[in-house]
C-alpha atoms as a PDB file:
ATOM      1  CA  MET A   1      69.279 102.116  57.934  1.00  0.00           C
ATOM      2  CA  ARG A   2      70.826 104.634  55.552  1.00  0.00           C
ATOM      3  CA  ARG A   3      71.764 108.008  57.018  1.00  0.00           C
ATOM      4  CA  HIS A   4      71.077 111.133  54.993  1.00  0.00           C
ATOM      5  CA  ARG A   5      74.167 113.243  55.381  1.00  0.00           C
ATOM      6  CA  ALA A   6      74.402 116.967  54.843  1.00  0.00           C
ATOM      7  CA  PRO A   7      76.190 117.966  51.635  1.00  0.00           C
ATOM      8  CA  GLU A   8      79.901 118.110  52.301  1.00  0.00           C
ATOM      9  CA  VAL A   9      80.455 121.100  50.026  1.00  0.00           C
ATOM     10  CA  ALA A  10      78.242 123.335  52.188  1.00  0.00           C
ATOM     11  CA  THR A  11      80.554 124.530  54.967  1.00  0.00           C
ATOM     12  CA  PRO A  12      79.294 127.264  57.322  1.00  0.00           C
ATOM     13  CA  ARG A  13      81.401 129.824  55.491  1.00  0.00           C
ATOM     14  CA  VAL A  14      79.970 128.837  52.097  1.00  0.00           C
ATOM     15  CA  MET A  15      76.466 128.739  53.548  1.00  0.00           C
ATOM     16  CA  ALA A  16      76.872 132.239  54.966  1.00  0.00           C
ATOM     17  CA  GLN A  17      78.231 133.579  51.692  1.00  0.00           C
ATOM     18  CA  THR A  18      75.391 132.012  49.706  1.00  0.00           C
ATOM     19  CA  LEU A  19      72.715 133.311  52.060  1.00  0.00           C
ATOM     20  CA  THR A  20      74.278 136.765  52.017  1.00  0.00           C
ATOM     21  CA  LEU A  21      74.042 136.871  48.235  1.00  0.00           C
ATOM     22  CA  PHE A  22      70.499 135.526  48.093  1.00  0.00           C
ATOM     23  CA  TYR A  23      69.188 137.792  50.845  1.00  0.00           C
ATOM     24  CA  VAL A  24      70.680 140.886  49.226  1.00  0.00           C
ATOM     25  CA  LEU A  25      69.488 139.920  45.740  1.00  0.00           C
ATOM     26  CA  GLY A  26      66.045 139.031  47.076  1.00  0.00           C
ATOM     27  CA  GLY A  27      65.756 142.338  48.907  1.00  0.00           C
ATOM     28  CA  THR A  28      66.917 144.198  45.822  1.00  0.00           C
ATOM     29  CA  CYS A  29      64.330 142.408  43.689  1.00  0.00           C
ATOM     30  CA  GLY A  30      61.675 143.466  46.185  1.00  0.00           C
ATOM     31  CA  LEU A  31      62.788 147.088  45.958  1.00  0.00           C
ATOM     32  CA  VAL A  32      62.796 147.005  42.165  1.00  0.00           C
ATOM     33  CA  ALA A  33      59.322 145.444  42.111  1.00  0.00           C
ATOM     34  CA  LEU A  34      57.996 148.140  44.449  1.00  0.00           C
ATOM     35  CA  PRO A  35      55.818 150.408  42.287  1.00  0.00           C
ATOM     36  CA  GLY A  36      56.220 154.129  42.839  1.00  0.00           C
ATOM     37  CA  SER A  37      52.721 154.855  41.592  1.00  0.00           C
ATOM     38  CA  ASP A  38      50.846 152.573  43.961  1.00  0.00           C
ATOM     39  CA  PRO A  39      48.445 154.812  45.915  1.00  0.00           C
ATOM     40  CA  ASP A  40      48.316 152.414  48.864  1.00  0.00           C
ATOM     41  CA  TRP A  41      51.054 153.879  51.044  1.00  0.00           C
ATOM     42  CA  ALA A  42      50.516 151.327  53.803  1.00  0.00           C
ATOM     43  CA  ARG A  43      51.164 148.472  51.401  1.00  0.00           C
ATOM     44  CA  ARG A  44      54.174 150.220  49.935  1.00  0.00           C
ATOM     45  CA  GLY A  45      55.511 150.686  53.435  1.00  0.00           C
ATOM     46  CA  VAL A  46      55.144 146.995  54.240  1.00  0.00           C
ATOM     47  CA  LEU A  47      56.927 145.969  51.029  1.00  0.00           C
ATOM     48  CA  LEU A  48      59.705 148.454  51.678  1.00  0.00           C
ATOM     49  CA  ALA A  49      60.128 147.146  55.228  1.00  0.00           C
ATOM     50  CA  LEU A  50      60.277 143.539  54.025  1.00  0.00           C
ATOM     51  CA  ALA A  51      62.834 144.348  51.331  1.00  0.00           C
ATOM     52  CA  ALA A  52      64.952 146.342  53.777  1.00  0.00           C
ATOM     53  CA  THR A  53      64.772 143.493  56.301  1.00  0.00           C
ATOM     54  CA  ALA A  54      66.120 141.101  53.668  1.00  0.00           C
ATOM     55  CA  VAL A  55      69.069 143.390  52.902  1.00  0.00           C
ATOM     56  CA  VAL A  56      69.832 143.818  56.613  1.00  0.00           C
ATOM     57  CA  CYS A  57      69.693 140.047  57.120  1.00  0.00           C
ATOM     58  CA  GLY A  58      72.148 139.653  54.246  1.00  0.00           C
ATOM     59  CA  ALA A  59      74.525 142.125  55.866  1.00  0.00           C
ATOM     60  CA  ALA A  60      74.272 140.328  59.215  1.00  0.00           C
ATOM     61  CA  MET A  61      74.918 136.986  57.542  1.00  0.00           C
ATOM     62  CA  HIS A  62      78.007 138.433  55.877  1.00  0.00           C
ATOM     63  CA  ARG A  63      79.304 139.733  59.211  1.00  0.00           C
ATOM     64  CA  TRP A  64      78.589 136.814  61.538  1.00  0.00           C
ATOM     65  CA  GLY A  65      77.270 133.851  59.546  1.00  0.00           C
ATOM     66  CA  ALA A  66      80.574 132.049  58.990  1.00  0.00           C
ATOM     67  CA  ARG A  67      80.946 131.571  62.763  1.00  0.00           C
ATOM     68  CA  ALA A  68      77.518 129.984  63.220  1.00  0.00           C
ATOM     69  CA  PRO A  69      77.012 126.232  63.694  1.00  0.00           C
ATOM     70  CA  ARG A  70      75.524 124.330  60.780  1.00  0.00           C
ATOM     71  CA  GLY A  71      72.118 123.838  62.419  1.00  0.00           C
ATOM     72  CA  PHE A  72      71.683 127.582  62.826  1.00  0.00           C
ATOM     73  CA  PHE A  73      71.146 128.050  59.090  1.00  0.00           C
ATOM     74  CA  HIS A  74      67.698 126.464  59.188  1.00  0.00           C
ATOM     75  CA  ALA A  75      66.445 129.664  60.859  1.00  0.00           C
ATOM     76  CA  PRO A  76      67.515 132.199  58.184  1.00  0.00           C
ATOM     77  CA  VAL A  77      66.334 129.928  55.362  1.00  0.00           C
ATOM     78  CA  ALA A  78      62.896 129.565  56.987  1.00  0.00           C
ATOM     79  CA  ALA A  79      62.843 133.314  57.708  1.00  0.00           C
ATOM     80  CA  ALA A  80      63.474 134.004  54.029  1.00  0.00           C
ATOM     81  CA  THR A  81      60.420 131.914  53.145  1.00  0.00           C
ATOM     82  CA  VAL A  82      58.277 133.914  55.571  1.00  0.00           C
ATOM     83  CA  LEU A  83      59.513 137.245  54.154  1.00  0.00           C
ATOM     84  CA  ILE A  84      58.804 136.121  50.588  1.00  0.00           C
ATOM     85  CA  ALA A  85      55.306 134.861  51.435  1.00  0.00           C
ATOM     86  CA  LEU A  86      54.411 138.116  53.208  1.00  0.00           C
ATOM     87  CA  ALA A  87      55.734 140.185  50.328  1.00  0.00           C
ATOM     88  CA  ALA A  88      53.770 138.119  47.791  1.00  0.00           C
ATOM     89  CA  LEU A  89      50.637 138.524  49.899  1.00  0.00           C
ATOM     90  CA  VAL A  90      50.720 142.332  49.984  1.00  0.00           C
ATOM     91  CA  ALA A  91      52.259 142.972  46.557  1.00  0.00           C
ATOM     92  CA  PRO A  92      50.069 145.134  44.287  1.00  0.00           C
ATOM     93  CA  GLY A  93      48.825 143.262  41.227  1.00  0.00           C
ATOM     94  CA  GLU A  94      49.155 139.689  40.029  1.00  0.00           C
ATOM     95  CA  ALA A  95      52.330 140.279  38.031  1.00  0.00           C
ATOM     96  CA  THR A  96      54.198 141.887  40.926  1.00  0.00           C
ATOM     97  CA  ALA A  97      53.031 139.152  43.289  1.00  0.00           C
ATOM     98  CA  MET A  98      54.415 136.468  40.970  1.00  0.00           C
ATOM     99  CA  VAL A  99      57.741 138.286  40.600  1.00  0.00           C
ATOM    100  CA  VAL A 100      58.080 138.499  44.384  1.00  0.00           C
ATOM    101  CA  ALA A 101      56.953 134.904  44.893  1.00  0.00           C
ATOM    102  CA  ALA A 102      59.530 133.693  42.374  1.00  0.00           C
ATOM    103  CA  ILE A 103      62.265 134.734  44.801  1.00  0.00           C
ATOM    104  CA  VAL A 104      61.338 131.567  46.709  1.00  0.00           C
ATOM    105  CA  LEU A 105      63.376 129.671  44.100  1.00  0.00           C
ATOM    106  CA  PHE A 106      66.411 130.858  46.055  1.00  0.00           C
ATOM    107  CA  VAL A 107      65.053 128.936  49.048  1.00  0.00           C
ATOM    108  CA  GLY A 108      64.906 125.750  46.979  1.00  0.00           C
ATOM    109  CA  VAL A 109      68.554 126.151  46.029  1.00  0.00           C
ATOM    110  CA  ASP A 110      69.625 126.954  49.596  1.00  0.00           C
ATOM    111  CA  SER A 111      67.703 124.091  51.195  1.00  0.00           C
ATOM    112  CA  PHE A 112      69.125 121.340  49.008  1.00  0.00           C
ATOM    113  CA  PHE A 113      72.594 122.855  48.976  1.00  0.00           C
ATOM    114  CA  PHE A 114      72.848 123.253  52.744  1.00  0.00           C
ATOM    115  CA  PHE A 115      70.964 120.468  54.490  1.00  0.00           C
ATOM    116  CA  ALA A 116      70.601 116.719  54.749  1.00  0.00           C
ATOM    117  CA  LEU A 117      67.572 115.370  52.913  1.00  0.00           C
ATOM    118  CA  PRO A 118      65.028 115.436  55.798  1.00  0.00           C
ATOM    119  CA  GLY A 119      65.833 119.055  56.635  1.00  0.00           C
ATOM    120  CA  ALA A 120      65.859 120.054  52.966  1.00  0.00           C
ATOM    121  CA  LEU A 121      62.447 118.474  52.397  1.00  0.00           C
ATOM    122  CA  ALA A 122      61.059 120.249  55.462  1.00  0.00           C
ATOM    123  CA  GLN A 123      62.298 123.604  54.161  1.00  0.00           C
ATOM    124  CA  LEU A 124      60.891 122.848  50.706  1.00  0.00           C
ATOM    125  CA  GLY A 125      57.520 121.922  52.197  1.00  0.00           C
ATOM    126  CA  LEU A 126      57.445 125.189  54.150  1.00  0.00           C
ATOM    127  CA  ALA A 127      58.352 127.179  51.033  1.00  0.00           C
ATOM    128  CA  VAL A 128      55.691 125.500  48.887  1.00  0.00           C
ATOM    129  CA  GLY A 129      53.024 125.759  51.581  1.00  0.00           C
ATOM    130  CA  LEU A 130      53.513 129.393  52.575  1.00  0.00           C
ATOM    131  CA  THR A 131      54.115 130.793  49.102  1.00  0.00           C
ATOM    132  CA  THR A 132      51.205 128.937  47.525  1.00  0.00           C
ATOM    133  CA  SER A 133      48.889 129.959  50.359  1.00  0.00           C
ATOM    134  CA  ALA A 134      49.903 133.612  50.013  1.00  0.00           C
ATOM    135  CA  LEU A 135      49.190 133.600  46.273  1.00  0.00           C
ATOM    136  CA  LEU A 136      45.834 131.844  46.643  1.00  0.00           C
ATOM    137  CA  VAL A 137      44.660 134.036  49.523  1.00  0.00           C
ATOM    138  CA  ARG A 138      45.136 137.088  47.313  1.00  0.00           C
ATOM    139  CA  GLY A 139      42.364 135.900  44.993  1.00  0.00           C
ATOM    140  CA  ASP A 140      43.799 137.383  41.797  1.00  0.00           C
ATOM    141  CA  VAL A 141      46.401 134.693  41.049  1.00  0.00           C
ATOM    142  CA  PRO A 142      44.998 131.645  39.213  1.00  0.00           C
ATOM    143  CA  PRO A 143      45.626 128.389  41.129  1.00  0.00           C
ATOM    144  CA  ALA A 144      47.273 126.884  38.036  1.00  0.00           C
ATOM    145  CA  THR A 145      49.832 129.695  38.055  1.00  0.00           C
ATOM    146  CA  ALA A 146      50.676 129.091  41.711  1.00  0.00           C
ATOM    147  CA  VAL A 147      51.036 125.351  41.059  1.00  0.00           C
ATOM    148  CA  ALA A 148      53.323 126.051  38.081  1.00  0.00           C
ATOM    149  CA  LEU A 149      55.627 128.022  40.391  1.00  0.00           C
ATOM    150  CA  ASP A 150      55.653 125.064  42.798  1.00  0.00           C
ATOM    151  CA  VAL A 151      56.647 122.703  39.971  1.00  0.00           C
ATOM    152  CA  VAL A 152      59.553 124.953  39.000  1.00  0.00           C
ATOM    153  CA  LEU A 153      60.621 125.194  42.665  1.00  0.00           C
ATOM    154  CA  VAL A 154      60.652 121.420  43.091  1.00  0.00           C
ATOM    155  CA  ALA A 155      62.525 120.940  39.803  1.00  0.00           C
ATOM    156  CA  ILE A 156      65.236 123.403  40.834  1.00  0.00           C
ATOM    157  CA  ALA A 157      65.538 121.701  44.225  1.00  0.00           C
ATOM    158  CA  VAL A 158      66.010 118.279  42.604  1.00  0.00           C
ATOM    159  CA  VAL A 159      68.633 119.575  40.178  1.00  0.00           C
ATOM    160  CA  THR A 160      70.471 121.361  42.996  1.00  0.00           C
ATOM    161  CA  ARG A 161      70.548 118.180  45.068  1.00  0.00           C
ATOM    162  CA  ARG A 162      71.962 116.244  42.143  1.00  0.00           C
ATOM    163  CA  LEU A 163      74.706 118.784  41.471  1.00  0.00           C
ATOM    164  CA  VAL A 164      75.643 118.970  45.152  1.00  0.00           C
ATOM    165  CA  ALA A 165      75.833 115.172  45.362  1.00  0.00           C
ATOM    166  CA  GLU A 166      78.216 115.102  42.408  1.00  0.00           C
ATOM    167  CA  ALA A 167      80.359 117.845  43.931  1.00  0.00           C
ATOM    168  CA  SER A 168      80.438 116.022  47.284  1.00  0.00           C
ATOM    169  CA  ARG A 169      81.673 112.809  45.680  1.00  0.00           C
ATOM    170  CA  ALA A 170      84.602 114.696  44.172  1.00  0.00           C
ATOM    171  CA  GLY A 171      85.994 115.106  47.697  1.00  0.00           C
ATOM    172  CA  VAL A 172      85.435 111.491  48.841  1.00  0.00           C
ATOM    173  CA  ASP A 173      87.837 108.557  48.634  1.00  0.00           C
ATOM    174  CA  GLY A 174      86.171 105.736  46.708  1.00  0.00           C
ATOM    175  CA  LEU A 175      87.732 102.934  48.771  1.00  0.00           C
ATOM    176  CA  THR A 176      87.257 104.076  52.367  1.00  0.00           C
ATOM    177  CA  ARG A 177      84.421 106.634  51.898  1.00  0.00           C
ATOM    178  CA  LEU A 178      86.480 109.082  53.907  1.00  0.00           C
ATOM    179  CA  ALA A 179      87.424 112.493  52.594  1.00  0.00           C
ATOM    180  CA  ASN A 180      90.193 112.360  50.004  1.00  0.00           C
ATOM    181  CA  ARG A 181      93.082 114.814  49.772  1.00  0.00           C
ATOM    182  CA  ARG A 182      90.892 117.364  48.024  1.00  0.00           C
ATOM    183  CA  GLY A 183      88.161 117.086  50.659  1.00  0.00           C
ATOM    184  CA  PHE A 184      90.743 117.297  53.423  1.00  0.00           C
ATOM    185  CA  ASP A 185      92.377 120.399  51.956  1.00  0.00           C
ATOM    186  CA  GLU A 186      88.989 122.115  51.664  1.00  0.00           C
ATOM    187  CA  ALA A 187      88.195 121.332  55.310  1.00  0.00           C
ATOM    188  CA  LEU A 188      91.653 122.501  56.368  1.00  0.00           C
ATOM    189  CA  GLN A 189      91.253 125.847  54.617  1.00  0.00           C
ATOM    190  CA  GLU A 190      87.896 126.266  56.340  1.00  0.00           C
ATOM    191  CA  LEU A 191      89.290 125.577  59.827  1.00  0.00           C
ATOM    192  CA  VAL A 192      92.566 127.494  59.681  1.00  0.00           C
ATOM    193  CA  ARG A 193      91.972 131.037  60.873  1.00  0.00           C
ATOM    194  CA  PRO A 194      93.700 133.378  63.343  1.00  0.00           C
ATOM    195  CA  GLY A 195      93.079 132.405  66.958  1.00  0.00           C
ATOM    196  CA  ALA A 196      91.695 128.951  66.136  1.00  0.00           C
ATOM    197  CA  VAL A 197      92.481 125.996  68.391  1.00  0.00           C
ATOM    198  CA  LEU A 198      93.234 123.172  65.976  1.00  0.00           C
ATOM    199  CA  SER A 199      95.472 120.135  65.739  1.00  0.00           C
ATOM    200  CA  ALA A 200      96.400 118.160  62.643  1.00  0.00           C
ATOM    201  CA  ALA A 201      97.803 114.650  62.472  1.00  0.00           C
ATOM    202  CA  LEU A 202      99.294 112.456  59.770  1.00  0.00           C
ATOM    203  CA  LEU A 203      98.950 108.734  60.450  1.00  0.00           C
ATOM    204  CA  ASP A 204     100.934 106.223  58.415  1.00  0.00           C
ATOM    205  CA  LEU A 205     100.422 102.440  58.568  1.00  0.00           C
ATOM    206  CA  ASP A 206     103.805 100.805  59.149  1.00  0.00           C
ATOM    207  CA  HIS A 207     105.070  98.160  56.702  1.00  0.00           C
ATOM    208  CA  PHE A 208     101.838  98.273  54.732  1.00  0.00           C
ATOM    209  CA  LYS A 209     103.654  97.116  51.596  1.00  0.00           C
ATOM    210  CA  GLU A 210     104.139  93.735  53.263  1.00  0.00           C
ATOM    211  CA  VAL A 211     100.353  93.355  53.567  1.00  0.00           C
ATOM    212  CA  ASN A 212      99.968  93.862  49.831  1.00  0.00           C
ATOM    213  CA  ASP A 213     102.914  91.588  49.051  1.00  0.00           C
ATOM    214  CA  THR A 214     101.687  88.686  51.178  1.00  0.00           C
ATOM    215  CA  GLY A 215      97.902  88.954  50.872  1.00  0.00           C
ATOM    216  CA  GLY A 216      97.507  90.885  47.649  1.00  0.00           C
ATOM    217  CA  HIS A 217      95.950  94.265  47.033  1.00  0.00           C
ATOM    218  CA  ALA A 218      92.504  92.985  48.040  1.00  0.00           C
ATOM    219  CA  ALA A 219      93.840  92.266  51.529  1.00  0.00           C
ATOM    220  CA  GLY A 220      95.466  95.686  51.687  1.00  0.00           C
ATOM    221  CA  ASP A 221      92.239  97.366  50.616  1.00  0.00           C
ATOM    222  CA  GLU A 222      90.312  95.528  53.319  1.00  0.00           C
ATOM    223  CA  VAL A 223      92.801  96.694  55.968  1.00  0.00           C
ATOM    224  CA  LEU A 224      92.342 100.286  54.823  1.00  0.00           C
ATOM    225  CA  ARG A 225      88.551  99.967  54.951  1.00  0.00           C
ATOM    226  CA  GLN A 226      88.694  98.360  58.392  1.00  0.00           C
ATOM    227  CA  VAL A 227      90.954 101.089  59.770  1.00  0.00           C
ATOM    228  CA  ALA A 228      88.719 103.804  58.281  1.00  0.00           C
ATOM    229  CA  ARG A 229      85.535 102.304  59.778  1.00  0.00           C
ATOM    230  CA  THR A 230      87.035 101.829  63.226  1.00  0.00           C
ATOM    231  CA  TRP A 231      88.698 105.215  63.474  1.00  0.00           C
ATOM    232  CA  ARG A 232      85.644 107.044  62.167  1.00  0.00           C
ATOM    233  CA  ARG A 233      83.475 105.530  64.922  1.00  0.00           C
ATOM    234  CA  ALA A 234      86.049 106.390  67.590  1.00  0.00           C
ATOM    235  CA  LEU A 235      86.568 110.026  66.627  1.00  0.00           C
ATOM    236  CA  PRO A 236      84.716 112.931  68.264  1.00  0.00           C
ATOM    237  CA  GLY A 237      82.130 114.993  66.436  1.00  0.00           C
ATOM    238  CA  GLY A 238      83.646 117.667  64.256  1.00  0.00           C
ATOM    239  CA  ALA A 239      86.814 115.688  63.524  1.00  0.00           C
ATOM    240  CA  VAL A 240      87.814 115.368  59.861  1.00  0.00           C
ATOM    241  CA  LEU A 241      89.404 112.053  58.890  1.00  0.00           C
ATOM    242  CA  ALA A 242      90.759 111.610  55.370  1.00  0.00           C
ATOM    243  CA  ARG A 243      92.703 109.122  53.341  1.00  0.00           C
ATOM    244  CA  HIS A 244      95.594 111.320  52.351  1.00  0.00           C
ATOM    245  CA  GLY A 245      96.958 108.848  49.839  1.00  0.00           C
ATOM    246  CA  GLY A 246      98.119 105.231  49.800  1.00  0.00           C
ATOM    247  CA  ASP A 247      98.357 104.027  53.397  1.00  0.00           C
ATOM    248  CA  GLU A 248      98.502 107.510  54.924  1.00  0.00           C
ATOM    249  CA  PHE A 249      95.573 109.090  56.746  1.00  0.00           C
ATOM    250  CA  ALA A 250      95.145 112.705  57.836  1.00  0.00           C
ATOM    251  CA  LEU A 251      93.160 113.981  60.774  1.00  0.00           C
ATOM    252  CA  LEU A 252      91.909 117.424  61.790  1.00  0.00           C
ATOM    253  CA  LEU A 253      90.724 118.047  65.346  1.00  0.00           C
ATOM    254  CA  PRO A 254      89.141 121.497  65.746  1.00  0.00           C
ATOM    255  CA  GLY A 255      89.169 122.662  69.369  1.00  0.00           C
ATOM    256  CA  TRP A 256      91.905 120.183  70.369  1.00  0.00           C
ATOM    257  CA  THR A 257      95.378 121.098  71.594  1.00  0.00           C
ATOM    258  CA  GLY A 258      98.429 119.173  70.425  1.00  0.00           C
ATOM    259  CA  PRO A 259      98.982 117.121  73.618  1.00  0.00           C
ATOM    260  CA  ARG A 260      95.313 116.177  73.745  1.00  0.00           C
ATOM    261  CA  ALA A 261      95.406 115.169  70.079  1.00  0.00           C
ATOM    262  CA  LEU A 262      98.466 113.029  70.764  1.00  0.00           C
ATOM    263  CA  GLU A 263      96.588 111.134  73.472  1.00  0.00           C
ATOM    264  CA  LEU A 264      93.721 110.519  71.031  1.00  0.00           C
ATOM    265  CA  VAL A 265      96.167 109.124  68.493  1.00  0.00           C
ATOM    266  CA  ARG A 266      97.448 106.737  71.146  1.00  0.00           C
ATOM    267  CA  ARG A 267      93.913 105.469  71.708  1.00  0.00           C
ATOM    268  CA  LEU A 268      93.382 104.994  67.971  1.00  0.00           C
ATOM    269  CA  ARG A 269      96.529 102.861  67.851  1.00  0.00           C
ATOM    270  CA  THR A 270      95.180 100.462  70.467  1.00  0.00           C
ATOM    271  CA  LEU A 271      92.133  99.740  68.317  1.00  0.00           C
ATOM    272  CA  HIS A 272      94.370  97.864  65.845  1.00  0.00           C
ATOM    273  CA  PRO A 273      96.988  95.979  67.886  1.00  0.00           C
ATOM    274  CA  GLY A 274      98.124  93.988  64.844  1.00  0.00           C
ATOM    275  CA  ILE A 275      98.716  97.058  62.692  1.00  0.00           C
ATOM    276  CA  GLY A 276     101.685  99.336  63.345  1.00  0.00           C
ATOM    277  CA  MET A 277     101.264 103.056  62.984  1.00  0.00           C
ATOM    278  CA  SER A 278     103.548 106.072  62.946  1.00  0.00           C
ATOM    279  CA  CYS A 279     102.061 109.495  63.532  1.00  0.00           C
ATOM    280  CA  GLY A 280     102.981 113.134  63.460  1.00  0.00           C
ATOM    281  CA  VAL A 281     100.877 115.722  65.297  1.00  0.00           C
ATOM    282  CA  ALA A 282     101.068 119.507  65.094  1.00  0.00           C
ATOM    283  CA  GLN A 283      99.030 122.174  66.850  1.00  0.00           C
ATOM    284  CA  TYR A 284      98.059 125.205  64.796  1.00  0.00           C
ATOM    285  CA  ARG A 285     100.002 128.366  65.488  1.00  0.00           C
ATOM    286  CA  SER A 286      98.070 131.573  64.996  1.00  0.00           C
ATOM    287  CA  ARG A 287      98.801 133.276  61.698  1.00  0.00           C
ATOM    288  CA  GLU A 288     100.527 130.288  60.115  1.00  0.00           C
ATOM    289  CA  SER A 289      99.165 128.947  56.829  1.00  0.00           C
ATOM    290  CA  ALA A 290      97.484 125.606  56.299  1.00  0.00           C
ATOM    291  CA  ALA A 291     100.552 124.451  54.363  1.00  0.00           C
ATOM    292  CA  GLN A 292     102.847 125.365  57.264  1.00  0.00           C
ATOM    293  CA  LEU A 293     100.682 123.440  59.738  1.00  0.00           C
ATOM    294  CA  MET A 294     100.729 120.295  57.603  1.00  0.00           C
ATOM    295  CA  ARG A 295     104.449 120.674  56.944  1.00  0.00           C
ATOM    296  CA  ARG A 296     105.115 120.564  60.682  1.00  0.00           C
ATOM    297  CA  ALA A 297     102.850 117.514  61.051  1.00  0.00           C
ATOM    298  CA  ASP A 298     104.775 115.836  58.224  1.00  0.00           C
ATOM    299  CA  GLN A 299     108.095 116.651  59.891  1.00  0.00           C
ATOM    300  CA  ALA A 300     106.817 115.109  63.121  1.00  0.00           C
ATOM    301  CA  LEU A 301     105.736 112.004  61.187  1.00  0.00           C
ATOM    302  CA  TYR A 302     109.187 111.738  59.625  1.00  0.00           C
ATOM    303  CA  ALA A 303     110.755 111.996  63.081  1.00  0.00           C
ATOM    304  CA  ALA A 304     108.497 109.183  64.348  1.00  0.00           C
ATOM    305  CA  LYS A 305     109.562 106.926  61.499  1.00  0.00           C
ATOM    306  CA  ALA A 306     113.221 107.797  61.960  1.00  0.00           C
ATOM    307  CA  ALA A 307     112.937 106.841  65.638  1.00  0.00           C
ATOM    308  CA  GLY A 308     111.914 103.289  64.760  1.00  0.00           C
ATOM    309  CA  ARG A 309     108.262 103.537  63.676  1.00  0.00           C
ATOM    310  CA  GLY A 310     105.331 102.583  65.878  1.00  0.00           C
ATOM    311  CA  ARG A 311     105.622 105.981  67.520  1.00  0.00           C
ATOM    312  CA  ALA A 312     103.906 109.355  67.628  1.00  0.00           C
ATOM    313  CA  GLU A 313     105.654 112.703  67.611  1.00  0.00           C
ATOM    314  CA  LEU A 314     104.174 116.019  68.616  1.00  0.00           C
ATOM    315  CA  ALA A 315     105.841 118.820  66.701  1.00  0.00           C
ATOM    316  CA  GLY A 316     108.153 120.706  69.047  1.00  0.00           C
ATOM    317  CA  GLU A 317     107.966 118.080  71.812  1.00  0.00           C
ATOM    318  CA  THR A 318     110.034 115.062  72.821  1.00  0.00           C
ATOM    319  CA  ARG A 319     109.469 111.674  71.260  1.00  0.00           C
ATOM    320  CA  GLU A 320     106.952 109.331  72.792  1.00  0.00           C
ATOM    321  CA  SER A 321     105.943 105.803  71.895  1.00  0.00           C
ATOM    322  CA  VAL A 322     102.384 105.348  70.790  1.00  0.00           C
ATOM    323  CA  GLY A 323     102.347 101.839  72.065  1.00  0.00           C
ATOM    324  CA  GLY A 324     103.126 103.009  75.585  1.00  0.00           C
END
């Protein structure tokens, strides 16, 4: 059965930045739409409170959102739908109600940018249901007008999903379906930050040229696909495995120290007893750049090859054989 994966371009940092922008813009739109001449002070107060809540939520997302787990973002997206529906319900006049309700288009973009298809459809269903209900309960918005807004919302969601899918494929290796160098570099930039516990590894298949020379490139491609499938199943959640180019793979292990990452590399090696592998591992040092981390992993890989291949080196440590 096919799994619906979350878009790979929507990292927690990008999700937080996008929600910050949309919350602040949505709150600002609500403030602009708030009529100064409306005699109903209670209604004006509710609209002002809703708009201010949106701006505050945007500020909170800017401050803390990048640290949140991916699943957390369902809550602020659903909360945005609730705020929009309430604002559309109490807005004075049909025109103002439609302007406020149109902010729900942001929710369509967010949902299909952030989430795997089931979650995105659930958010879209909530947005359509609550916003349409709010407009119809008012009594002054024609049903056809509310339905037209729904059609635009669904169209924007579909287009967003298509664009995100295209962007995601740009970071995927066509042969192994792992991240490519671009996808790996984007993940690396996301994970490298002061105080982070992170290890990076470069894994090179030994004597891979001989596989291509004896069995042809089709045989070499099958070995790469087999290695990618096996390693991907064996890796912990949160790990980033990429085909870095040719027969070299790259691995990021957030939350893993260097020695622990080295032991994991040893276990990966045992999954392919007929395929030699040299590996360099480096643990992130606070304040160093992503390039510096990968340079140390590459130096460790070079040391492993210089020591006779079939080995793993942890940057700054003594040499150890992967094969045990």
